[in-house]
Protein backbone atom coordinates (compact mmCIF):
# COMPACT_ATOMS: atom_id res chain seq x y z
CA MET A 1 53.69 38.82 39.20
CA ARG A 2 54.71 37.56 35.44
CA SER A 3 51.15 35.99 34.42
CA PRO A 4 51.72 32.84 32.69
CA ARG A 5 52.84 32.32 29.13
CA ASN A 6 50.31 31.14 26.21
CA THR A 7 51.28 27.36 26.40
CA ASP A 8 49.75 25.99 22.41
CA ALA A 9 46.78 24.39 24.97
CA THR A 10 46.04 27.89 26.42
CA ARG A 11 45.69 30.29 23.66
CA PRO A 12 42.24 30.90 21.91
CA GLY A 13 42.73 29.42 18.45
CA ALA A 14 44.22 26.37 20.27
CA ARG A 15 41.62 25.71 23.05
CA SER A 16 39.15 26.19 19.64
CA HIS A 17 40.78 23.36 17.65
CA VAL A 18 40.98 20.61 20.74
CA LEU A 19 37.64 21.71 21.55
CA ARG A 20 36.30 20.43 17.41
CA VAL A 21 38.56 17.61 17.72
CA ALA A 22 36.59 16.39 21.42
CA ALA A 23 33.23 17.06 19.07
CA ALA A 24 34.63 15.42 17.64
CA ILE A 25 35.36 12.36 18.77
CA ALA A 26 32.35 11.99 20.81
CA ALA A 27 30.13 11.73 17.69
CA THR A 28 31.97 8.65 16.71
CA VAL A 29 31.30 7.62 19.96
CA LEU A 30 27.70 8.14 19.43
CA VAL A 31 27.81 6.57 16.36
CA LEU A 32 29.66 3.66 16.93
CA ALA A 33 27.72 2.85 20.29
CA GLY A 34 24.47 2.62 18.47
CA CYS A 35 22.41 6.35 19.44
CA GLY A 36 23.34 7.99 15.94
CA PRO A 37 20.05 6.59 13.17
CA GLY A 38 20.98 3.40 12.09
CA PRO A 39 19.49 0.76 9.14
CA ALA A 40 16.02 -0.37 8.90
CA SER A 41 16.42 -4.02 9.90
CA THR A 42 15.80 -6.62 7.26
CA ASP A 43 13.63 -9.63 7.02
CA ALA A 44 15.50 -13.95 6.03
CA GLY A 45 14.70 -12.23 2.55
CA GLY A 46 16.96 -9.83 3.10
CA THR A 47 14.07 -6.27 2.64
CA SER A 48 13.55 -3.81 4.31
CA ALA A 49 10.77 -3.91 7.89
CA THR A 50 9.28 -0.53 5.85
CA GLY A 51 9.35 -1.92 2.85
CA SER A 52 12.12 -2.71 0.81
CA MET A 53 13.02 -0.05 -1.57
CA SER A 54 16.96 0.09 -1.44
CA PRO A 55 18.78 3.41 -2.49
CA SER A 56 19.84 1.27 -5.76
CA ALA A 57 16.56 0.35 -7.41
CA ILE A 58 14.77 4.37 -5.68
CA ALA A 59 17.90 4.96 -8.27
CA PHE A 60 16.82 3.54 -11.41
CA SER A 61 13.24 4.75 -11.47
CA ALA A 62 14.08 8.04 -10.92
CA CYS A 63 17.00 7.91 -14.29
CA MET A 64 13.68 7.37 -15.80
CA ARG A 65 12.25 9.35 -15.24
CA GLY A 66 15.07 12.12 -15.24
CA HIS A 67 15.85 10.63 -19.15
CA GLY A 68 12.21 11.31 -20.81
CA VAL A 69 9.56 8.60 -19.20
CA PRO A 70 8.15 10.71 -16.39
CA SER A 71 5.48 8.77 -15.66
CA TYR A 72 7.86 5.31 -13.81
CA PRO A 73 7.11 4.13 -10.86
CA ASP A 74 8.81 3.77 -8.03
CA PRO A 75 9.40 0.30 -6.49
CA ASP A 76 6.48 -1.22 -4.93
CA ILE A 77 6.05 -1.91 -1.28
CA LYS A 78 8.72 -4.51 -1.01
CA GLY A 79 11.30 -3.58 -3.49
CA MET A 80 10.20 -4.41 -7.07
CA PRO A 81 11.36 -2.25 -9.32
CA GLY A 82 8.45 -0.27 -12.05
CA ARG A 83 7.33 -1.97 -14.14
CA ALA A 84 5.40 -0.78 -17.37
CA ASP A 85 3.73 -1.10 -21.11
CA PRO A 86 6.19 1.65 -22.51
CA ARG A 87 2.87 2.80 -23.99
CA GLN A 88 0.55 2.33 -20.61
CA LEU A 89 3.12 5.33 -19.87
CA GLY A 90 3.25 7.15 -22.75
CA VAL A 91 6.18 6.99 -24.07
CA SER A 92 7.94 5.29 -27.37
CA PRO A 93 9.35 1.71 -27.04
CA ALA A 94 12.17 3.55 -28.80
CA LEU A 95 12.64 5.96 -25.83
CA PHE A 96 11.97 3.36 -23.22
CA GLN A 97 14.72 1.45 -24.87
CA VAL A 98 16.63 4.17 -24.85
CA ALA A 99 16.11 4.88 -20.71
CA GLU A 100 17.03 2.26 -19.81
CA ARG A 101 20.10 1.66 -21.24
CA THR A 102 21.41 4.37 -19.70
CA CYS A 103 20.26 3.98 -16.31
CA ARG A 104 20.94 -0.26 -16.25
CA PRO A 105 24.68 0.76 -15.02
CA LEU A 106 23.06 2.66 -10.78
CA LEU A 107 20.87 -1.18 -10.63
CA PRO A 108 24.13 -3.51 -8.80
CA THR A 109 25.05 -6.90 -11.24
CA ASP A 110 27.20 -8.56 -8.23
CA GLY A 111 24.94 -11.42 -8.66
CA SER A 112 22.94 -12.19 -5.18
CA LEU A 113 20.14 -13.98 -6.30
CA GLN A 114 17.93 -10.80 -5.57
CA GLN A 115 19.70 -8.63 -7.39
CA GLN A 116 19.25 -11.27 -10.55
CA THR A 117 15.47 -11.36 -10.14
CA GLN A 118 15.84 -7.86 -10.78
CA ARG A 119 17.33 -7.50 -14.12
CA CYS A 120 14.89 -10.97 -14.93
CA VAL A 121 11.71 -8.83 -13.99
CA LEU A 122 12.67 -5.86 -15.49
CA PHE A 123 15.09 -6.52 -18.76
CA GLY A 124 13.39 -10.06 -19.43
CA GLU A 125 18.04 -11.23 -19.09
CA CYS A 126 15.86 -14.81 -17.25
CA PRO A 127 18.25 -16.94 -18.03
CA GLN A 128 16.56 -21.27 -17.64
CA ALA A 129 18.61 -22.07 -14.69
CA LEU A 130 17.52 -19.02 -13.11
CA VAL A 131 14.10 -19.48 -13.74
CA GLN A 132 14.07 -23.30 -12.45
CA GLN A 133 15.80 -21.48 -9.26
CA LEU A 134 13.03 -19.19 -8.25
CA LEU A 135 10.23 -21.14 -9.53
CA ALA A 136 11.41 -23.89 -6.94
CA ILE A 137 11.52 -20.97 -3.81
CA GLU A 138 8.80 -19.68 -4.95
CA ARG A 139 6.18 -23.21 -4.45
CA GLN A 140 8.26 -23.47 -1.60
CA TRP A 141 6.89 -19.89 -0.70
CA ALA A 142 3.88 -20.56 -2.11
CA GLN A 143 3.42 -23.34 -0.06
CA CYS A 144 4.00 -21.62 3.08
CA LEU A 145 1.97 -18.79 2.84
CA ARG A 146 -1.70 -20.71 1.58
CA ALA A 147 -0.82 -22.94 5.18
CA HIS A 148 -0.34 -19.88 6.86
CA GLY A 149 -3.43 -18.17 6.36
CA VAL A 150 -3.69 -17.29 2.89
CA PRO A 151 -5.14 -19.96 0.97
CA ASN A 152 -5.60 -18.34 -1.72
CA TRP A 153 -2.01 -17.58 -2.27
CA PRO A 154 -1.87 -19.70 -6.12
CA ASP A 155 2.34 -21.24 -7.22
CA PRO A 156 4.12 -18.66 -9.11
CA VAL A 157 4.07 -18.76 -13.02
CA ILE A 158 5.42 -17.95 -16.44
CA SER A 159 4.12 -14.89 -17.38
CA ALA A 160 2.74 -15.35 -21.95
CA LYS A 161 5.06 -11.20 -21.81
CA GLY A 162 9.09 -11.67 -21.85
CA GLY A 163 8.81 -14.98 -19.48
CA ARG A 164 9.33 -13.87 -16.56
CA PRO A 165 8.86 -15.52 -13.42
CA VAL A 166 5.95 -14.19 -11.79
CA PHE A 167 2.57 -15.09 -8.85
CA ASP A 168 -0.98 -14.76 -11.04
CA LEU A 169 -3.28 -13.31 -8.20
CA SER A 170 -5.86 -12.04 -10.80
CA GLY A 171 -5.98 -15.78 -12.06
CA ALA A 172 -5.72 -17.18 -8.20
CA GLY A 173 -8.86 -14.99 -7.82
CA MET A 174 -7.05 -12.69 -5.59
CA ASP A 175 -7.20 -8.70 -5.45
CA PRO A 176 -3.44 -8.44 -6.28
CA ARG A 177 -3.23 -5.32 -4.14
CA SER A 178 -4.68 -8.46 -0.97
CA ALA A 179 -0.27 -8.81 -0.85
CA ASN A 180 -0.09 -5.46 0.20
CA THR A 181 -2.23 -5.76 3.33
CA PRO A 182 -0.28 -5.29 6.72
CA GLN A 183 -1.90 -8.79 7.52
CA ALA A 184 -0.06 -10.12 4.60
CA LEU A 185 2.73 -8.76 4.64
CA ALA A 186 3.49 -9.63 7.60
CA GLU A 187 3.10 -13.74 6.68
CA GLU A 188 5.49 -13.56 3.40
CA ALA A 189 8.27 -12.42 6.46
CA ALA A 190 7.81 -15.40 8.02
CA CYS A 191 7.49 -17.97 5.62
CA ARG A 192 10.79 -16.22 3.93
CA GLN A 193 11.87 -17.18 7.13
CA LEU A 194 10.45 -20.61 7.53
CA VAL A 195 11.38 -21.67 4.52
CA GLY A 196 15.46 -21.38 5.22
CA SER A 197 15.63 -19.90 1.73
CA SER A 198 15.71 -15.91 -0.18
CA VAL A 199 12.79 -15.44 -1.25
CA PRO A 200 13.02 -13.30 -4.21
CA ASN A 201 10.35 -11.44 -4.32
CA LEU A 202 8.28 -11.56 -7.62
CA PRO A 203 5.46 -9.56 -9.29
CA THR A 204 2.26 -9.97 -8.97
CA THR A 205 -1.26 -9.23 -10.90
């Protein structure tokens, strides 16, 4: 009795190919079904629930360190880009400016309020219209915080260094580090939702 001929589907090479295709399809189904790792959850202000260090902000900090500013900090827990005086970081202002110009393209420029705020904080690109918009939104947010367990939280002010809006916690008798406690972060996230609009993160001093 003759054995059946090998068809395309029964040849060893073909079977291996079919198995690879099946595995790829199964992996795709798992991802679409949500069984694979998904993005971090975000609050109403667009910040990650695990601290909003965006890839672009992290890449910018790494770029600065790779271009002659080795002590340049990573974004803080709220995703605000690191910012310090060049001399505090042990470099000359000229070298610092060269590194900034080199690394600036890593930051997105699609014009969202959060991204405009980051560019204001980092580079001093603070048009008056943006500053007024930020002050109005952040005052509402600060009022909400005072009403929900952070009674000493101040309204935003304009920093004497560069005209950037900031929250002067030290001037209000608060330890700036207290803004990063779990309770404060929970209240801040809740107020971002209550304000009902994008509330960009501002630096605290």
